[in-house]
């Protein structure tokens, strides 16, 4: 099973498809990260770029990762 990267949203200013205090999955995007952005699967169910400063990285147990992946 693949490990996913997750973040906690700490800012949602001007972003209709983010919610503060919610966990989001990050998709790998080295170019975006180099520019200070993360590719996030947001509330619309699509992936978009958001400022890195809107999130903090978190570590989740494998069971929690799987539960969040299935919920998407």
N, C-alpha and C. Protein backbone atom coordinates (compact mmCIF):
# COMPACT_ATOMS: atom_id res chain seq x y z
N UNK A 1 0.84 -1.19 0.00
CA UNK A 1 0.00 0.00 0.00
C UNK A 1 0.88 1.25 0.00
N UNK A 2 0.45 2.23 -0.73
CA UNK A 2 1.19 3.46 -0.89
C UNK A 2 0.99 4.37 0.32
N UNK A 3 2.05 5.06 0.75
CA UNK A 3 1.92 6.07 1.79
C UNK A 3 1.55 7.39 1.14
N UNK A 4 0.64 8.10 1.77
CA UNK A 4 0.22 9.39 1.26
C UNK A 4 0.72 10.48 2.20
N UNK A 5 0.80 11.67 1.67
CA UNK A 5 1.18 12.83 2.46
C UNK A 5 -0.10 13.59 2.79
N UNK A 6 -0.24 13.98 4.06
CA UNK A 6 -1.43 14.70 4.50
C UNK A 6 -1.04 15.99 5.19
N UNK A 7 -1.94 16.97 5.11
CA UNK A 7 -1.73 18.26 5.75
C UNK A 7 -3.01 18.67 6.46
N UNK A 8 -2.86 19.55 7.44
CA UNK A 8 -3.98 20.15 8.14
C UNK A 8 -4.10 21.59 7.66
N UNK A 9 -5.29 21.97 7.25
CA UNK A 9 -5.53 23.34 6.78
C UNK A 9 -5.59 24.28 7.99
N UNK A 10 -4.78 25.33 7.96
CA UNK A 10 -4.77 26.32 9.04
C UNK A 10 -5.21 27.70 8.54
N UNK A 11 -5.46 27.82 7.24
CA UNK A 11 -5.90 29.09 6.64
C UNK A 11 -6.71 28.79 5.39
N UNK A 12 -7.83 29.48 5.22
CA UNK A 12 -8.65 29.26 4.03
C UNK A 12 -9.06 30.58 3.37
N UNK A 13 -8.31 31.62 3.65
CA UNK A 13 -8.60 32.96 3.12
C UNK A 13 -8.75 32.93 1.59
N UNK A 14 -9.87 33.44 1.11
CA UNK A 14 -10.15 33.54 -0.33
C UNK A 14 -10.22 32.20 -1.04
N UNK A 15 -10.44 31.11 -0.31
CA UNK A 15 -10.51 29.78 -0.91
C UNK A 15 -11.83 29.12 -0.54
N UNK A 16 -12.75 29.09 -1.48
CA UNK A 16 -14.07 28.52 -1.23
C UNK A 16 -14.04 27.01 -1.01
N UNK A 17 -13.02 26.34 -1.54
CA UNK A 17 -12.97 24.88 -1.48
C UNK A 17 -12.01 24.32 -0.44
N UNK A 18 -11.67 25.14 0.57
CA UNK A 18 -10.88 24.67 1.71
C UNK A 18 -11.64 24.95 2.99
N UNK A 19 -11.39 24.12 4.01
CA UNK A 19 -11.98 24.33 5.33
C UNK A 19 -10.87 24.29 6.37
N UNK A 20 -10.82 25.30 7.23
CA UNK A 20 -9.86 25.29 8.32
C UNK A 20 -10.09 24.08 9.21
N UNK A 21 -9.01 23.57 9.76
CA UNK A 21 -9.00 22.43 10.68
C UNK A 21 -9.41 21.12 10.02
N UNK A 22 -9.35 21.05 8.71
CA UNK A 22 -9.65 19.82 8.00
C UNK A 22 -8.37 19.23 7.42
N UNK A 23 -8.32 17.91 7.34
CA UNK A 23 -7.16 17.20 6.79
C UNK A 23 -7.36 17.01 5.29
N UNK A 24 -6.29 17.28 4.54
CA UNK A 24 -6.32 17.12 3.08
C UNK A 24 -5.14 16.26 2.63
N UNK A 25 -5.36 15.54 1.55
CA UNK A 25 -4.30 14.74 0.95
C UNK A 25 -3.53 15.60 -0.04
N UNK A 26 -2.22 15.43 -0.04
CA UNK A 26 -1.33 16.16 -0.94
C UNK A 26 -0.90 15.23 -2.07
N UNK A 27 -1.00 15.70 -3.29
CA UNK A 27 -0.49 14.96 -4.44
C UNK A 27 0.91 15.46 -4.75
N UNK A 28 1.81 14.57 -5.13
CA UNK A 28 3.18 14.99 -5.45
C UNK A 28 3.21 15.96 -6.63
N UNK A 29 3.91 17.07 -6.45
CA UNK A 29 4.10 18.05 -7.52
C UNK A 29 5.34 18.87 -7.17
N UNK A 30 6.49 18.39 -7.59
CA UNK A 30 7.76 19.03 -7.23
C UNK A 30 7.86 20.46 -7.75
N UNK A 31 7.35 20.71 -8.94
CA UNK A 31 7.40 22.08 -9.49
C UNK A 31 6.59 23.04 -8.62
N UNK A 32 5.40 22.63 -8.23
CA UNK A 32 4.56 23.48 -7.38
C UNK A 32 5.24 23.72 -6.03
N UNK A 33 5.79 22.67 -5.43
CA UNK A 33 6.43 22.81 -4.14
C UNK A 33 7.62 23.74 -4.20
N UNK A 34 8.36 23.72 -5.31
CA UNK A 34 9.49 24.62 -5.49
C UNK A 34 9.05 26.08 -5.52
N UNK A 35 7.81 26.31 -5.90
CA UNK A 35 7.25 27.67 -5.97
C UNK A 35 6.47 28.05 -4.71
N UNK A 36 6.44 27.14 -3.71
CA UNK A 36 5.75 27.45 -2.45
C UNK A 36 4.29 27.05 -2.42
N UNK A 37 3.90 26.11 -3.29
CA UNK A 37 2.52 25.65 -3.34
C UNK A 37 2.44 24.15 -3.11
N UNK A 38 1.24 23.70 -2.74
CA UNK A 38 0.95 22.27 -2.62
C UNK A 38 -0.23 21.94 -3.51
N UNK A 39 -0.20 20.76 -4.11
CA UNK A 39 -1.33 20.29 -4.90
C UNK A 39 -2.23 19.48 -3.96
N UNK A 40 -3.40 20.03 -3.68
CA UNK A 40 -4.32 19.50 -2.68
C UNK A 40 -5.60 19.01 -3.34
N UNK A 41 -6.12 17.88 -2.89
CA UNK A 41 -7.46 17.46 -3.29
C UNK A 41 -8.41 18.17 -2.33
N UNK A 42 -9.14 19.16 -2.85
CA UNK A 42 -9.95 20.01 -1.99
C UNK A 42 -11.40 19.55 -1.91
N UNK A 43 -12.27 20.41 -1.38
CA UNK A 43 -13.68 20.06 -1.18
C UNK A 43 -14.43 19.80 -2.47
N UNK A 44 -13.92 20.29 -3.59
CA UNK A 44 -14.58 20.04 -4.88
C UNK A 44 -14.29 18.63 -5.38
N UNK A 45 -13.31 17.96 -4.74
CA UNK A 45 -12.91 16.63 -5.17
C UNK A 45 -11.85 16.65 -6.25
N UNK A 46 -11.46 17.84 -6.65
CA UNK A 46 -10.41 18.02 -7.66
C UNK A 46 -9.12 18.46 -6.98
N UNK A 47 -8.02 18.37 -7.72
CA UNK A 47 -6.76 18.84 -7.15
C UNK A 47 -6.42 20.22 -7.71
N UNK A 48 -6.01 21.10 -6.79
CA UNK A 48 -5.63 22.47 -7.13
C UNK A 48 -4.42 22.87 -6.33
N UNK A 49 -3.75 23.91 -6.77
CA UNK A 49 -2.60 24.44 -6.05
C UNK A 49 -3.05 25.47 -5.03
N UNK A 50 -2.48 25.35 -3.83
CA UNK A 50 -2.75 26.30 -2.75
C UNK A 50 -1.42 26.68 -2.11
N UNK A 51 -1.35 27.87 -1.50
CA UNK A 51 -0.11 28.28 -0.83
C UNK A 51 0.27 27.30 0.28
N UNK A 52 1.53 26.96 0.33
CA UNK A 52 2.07 26.04 1.35
C UNK A 52 1.78 26.57 2.75
N UNK A 53 1.75 27.89 2.91
CA UNK A 53 1.55 28.49 4.22
C UNK A 53 0.15 28.27 4.77
N UNK A 54 -0.77 27.76 3.97
CA UNK A 54 -2.13 27.48 4.42
C UNK A 54 -2.24 26.14 5.15
N UNK A 55 -1.14 25.40 5.24
CA UNK A 55 -1.18 24.04 5.76
C UNK A 55 0.01 23.73 6.66
N UNK A 56 -0.17 22.75 7.52
CA UNK A 56 0.94 22.15 8.27
C UNK A 56 0.92 20.66 7.98
N UNK A 57 2.09 20.09 7.82
CA UNK A 57 2.20 18.65 7.55
C UNK A 57 1.87 17.86 8.80
N UNK A 58 1.21 16.72 8.61
CA UNK A 58 0.89 15.84 9.72
C UNK A 58 1.20 14.40 9.32
N UNK A 59 1.50 13.58 10.32
CA UNK A 59 1.73 12.15 10.12
C UNK A 59 0.51 11.40 10.64
N UNK A 60 -0.02 10.54 9.82
CA UNK A 60 -1.18 9.74 10.20
C UNK A 60 -0.83 8.26 10.19
N UNK A 61 -1.42 7.48 11.09
CA UNK A 61 -1.22 6.04 11.04
C UNK A 61 -1.76 5.49 9.72
N UNK A 62 -1.23 4.39 9.29
CA UNK A 62 -1.63 3.78 8.02
C UNK A 62 -3.14 3.55 7.94
N UNK A 63 -3.75 3.13 9.04
CA UNK A 63 -5.19 2.89 9.05
C UNK A 63 -5.97 4.17 8.76
N UNK A 64 -5.52 5.28 9.33
CA UNK A 64 -6.18 6.56 9.10
C UNK A 64 -5.99 7.01 7.65
N UNK A 65 -4.79 6.78 7.11
CA UNK A 65 -4.53 7.13 5.71
C UNK A 65 -5.49 6.37 4.80
N UNK A 66 -5.65 5.08 5.05
CA UNK A 66 -6.53 4.27 4.23
C UNK A 66 -7.98 4.74 4.36
N UNK A 67 -8.42 5.07 5.55
CA UNK A 67 -9.78 5.54 5.76
C UNK A 67 -10.04 6.84 4.99
N UNK A 68 -9.07 7.75 5.00
CA UNK A 68 -9.21 9.01 4.28
C UNK A 68 -9.17 8.79 2.78
N UNK A 69 -8.33 7.87 2.33
CA UNK A 69 -8.24 7.59 0.89
C UNK A 69 -9.56 7.02 0.38
N UNK A 70 -10.16 6.11 1.12
CA UNK A 70 -11.41 5.47 0.72
C UNK A 70 -12.55 6.49 0.71
N UNK A 71 -12.49 7.47 1.60
CA UNK A 71 -13.55 8.47 1.72
C UNK A 71 -13.58 9.45 0.55
N UNK A 72 -12.55 9.50 -0.25
CA UNK A 72 -12.49 10.47 -1.36
C UNK A 72 -13.36 10.07 -2.51
